[in-house]
Protein backbone atom coordinates (compact mmCIF):
# COMPACT_ATOMS: atom_id res chain seq x y z
CA GLN A 1 16.66 2.25 -9.11
CA VAL A 2 14.20 0.97 -5.90
CA GLN A 3 13.98 -2.43 -4.50
CA LEU A 4 11.35 -3.26 -2.40
CA VAL A 5 10.60 -5.71 0.44
CA GLU A 6 8.25 -7.18 2.10
CA SER A 7 7.83 -9.50 4.95
CA GLY A 8 5.92 -10.00 7.75
CA GLY A 9 3.28 -12.68 6.33
CA GLY A 10 1.86 -16.08 7.61
CA LEU A 11 -0.66 -18.23 8.30
CA VAL A 12 -3.46 -16.65 11.24
CA GLN A 13 -6.63 -17.81 12.67
CA ALA A 14 -9.69 -15.48 11.76
CA GLY A 15 -9.60 -12.30 14.30
CA GLY A 16 -6.35 -12.53 14.44
CA SER A 17 -3.49 -9.86 14.03
CA LEU A 18 -0.61 -9.45 11.55
CA ARG A 19 1.84 -6.41 10.28
CA LEU A 20 3.28 -6.42 7.62
CA SER A 21 6.69 -4.29 6.37
CA CYS A 22 8.02 -3.31 3.16
CA ALA A 23 11.79 -1.72 3.32
CA ALA A 24 12.91 0.17 0.63
CA SER A 25 16.20 0.09 -1.14
CA GLY A 26 18.60 1.60 -3.54
CA SER A 27 16.64 5.06 -4.71
CA ALA A 28 14.26 5.50 -1.72
CA PHE A 29 14.51 9.18 -1.96
CA SER A 30 12.49 9.12 -5.08
CA ILE A 31 9.64 7.62 -3.32
CA ASN A 32 6.37 9.83 -3.46
CA ALA A 33 3.71 7.61 -2.01
CA MET A 34 4.34 3.27 -0.91
CA GLY A 35 1.64 0.86 -0.24
CA TRP A 36 0.12 -2.43 -0.33
CA TYR A 37 -1.90 -4.06 -2.92
CA ARG A 38 -3.62 -7.60 -2.61
CA ARG A 39 -4.35 -10.43 -5.07
CA ALA A 40 -6.35 -13.09 -4.00
CA PRO A 41 -6.63 -16.22 -5.86
CA GLY A 42 -8.82 -16.07 -8.85
CA GLN A 43 -9.39 -12.38 -7.97
CA GLN A 44 -8.15 -9.28 -9.44
CA ARG A 45 -5.58 -6.67 -7.96
CA GLU A 46 -7.05 -4.95 -5.13
CA LEU A 47 -5.39 -1.79 -4.04
CA VAL A 48 -5.56 -2.28 -0.36
CA ALA A 49 -3.85 0.71 1.46
CA THR A 50 -1.69 4.00 0.46
CA ILE A 51 0.32 6.42 2.43
CA THR A 52 2.12 10.06 1.31
CA ASN A 53 5.40 10.85 2.10
CA GLY A 54 3.44 13.42 4.05
CA GLY A 55 1.57 11.01 5.74
CA GLY A 56 -1.61 11.06 4.16
CA THR A 57 -3.64 7.88 3.98
CA ASN A 58 -6.31 5.85 1.94
CA LEU A 59 -7.55 2.70 2.38
CA SER A 60 -10.22 0.40 0.51
CA ASP A 61 -13.42 0.39 2.21
CA SER A 62 -12.95 -3.84 2.87
CA VAL A 63 -10.32 -3.07 5.19
CA LYS A 64 -11.12 0.44 7.00
CA GLY A 65 -11.23 0.05 10.59
CA ARG A 66 -9.19 -3.06 10.40
CA PHE A 67 -5.95 -1.90 8.53
CA THR A 68 -3.60 0.87 9.67
CA ILE A 69 -0.88 1.87 7.19
CA SER A 70 1.77 3.73 8.48
CA ARG A 71 5.59 4.32 7.60
CA ASP A 72 9.00 5.15 9.11
CA ASN A 73 10.80 7.58 6.74
CA THR A 74 14.34 6.91 8.63
CA LYS A 75 13.66 3.57 7.66
CA ASP A 76 11.77 3.87 4.02
CA THR A 77 9.53 1.14 5.73
CA VAL A 78 5.75 1.26 5.37
CA TYR A 79 4.14 -0.94 7.48
CA LEU A 80 0.75 -2.78 7.35
CA GLN A 81 -0.92 -3.27 10.71
CA MET A 82 -4.11 -5.99 9.58
CA SER A 83 -6.10 -6.47 12.70
CA SER A 84 -9.47 -8.48 12.86
CA LEU A 85 -8.45 -10.25 10.03
CA LYS A 86 -10.99 -12.16 7.97
CA PRO A 87 -10.68 -15.48 5.79
CA GLU A 88 -11.83 -13.18 2.76
CA ASP A 89 -8.30 -10.76 3.82
CA THR A 90 -6.33 -14.24 2.31
CA ALA A 91 -4.42 -13.12 -0.64
CA VAL A 92 -0.83 -12.52 -2.08
CA TYR A 93 0.12 -8.64 -0.59
CA TYR A 94 2.44 -6.94 -2.33
CA CYS A 95 4.30 -3.32 -1.72
CA TYR A 96 4.55 -0.86 -4.22
CA ALA A 97 5.64 2.39 -4.54
CA ILE A 98 5.09 5.78 -6.55
CA LEU A 99 8.03 7.39 -8.02
CA TRP A 100 9.14 11.15 -8.64
CA GLY A 101 10.75 11.74 -11.94
CA GLN A 102 13.30 13.55 -12.51
CA GLY A 103 11.35 16.65 -14.40
CA THR A 104 10.50 18.16 -17.29
CA GLN A 105 10.70 22.01 -17.62
CA VAL A 106 7.70 23.68 -19.01
CA THR A 107 7.77 27.08 -19.97
CA VAL A 108 5.07 29.06 -21.71
CA SER A 109 5.45 32.07 -22.82
CA SER A 110 3.48 34.92 -23.33
């Protein structure tokens, strides 16, 4: 079982910066990718950023050029560096993780 603990949120002026952290514990070895969603008041949940174990990243168009996602695999922690913040970035930010399953063998015989 994996537990995720977010931190780093707060109040910032437009144009400012914040860094969010998300620390994973438990079966962190089973994590394939981590990232961030956000939900603004009255809005649907939005996928903000994702980073894979291999370091591949994906950012939503709304934050490209302003946000950066990174991870420290030694600490099982992912970071979201948010710069040039805008009022429309106001939301609750949620960390998420994509887990590997144990796998199940499929064998196709000829």
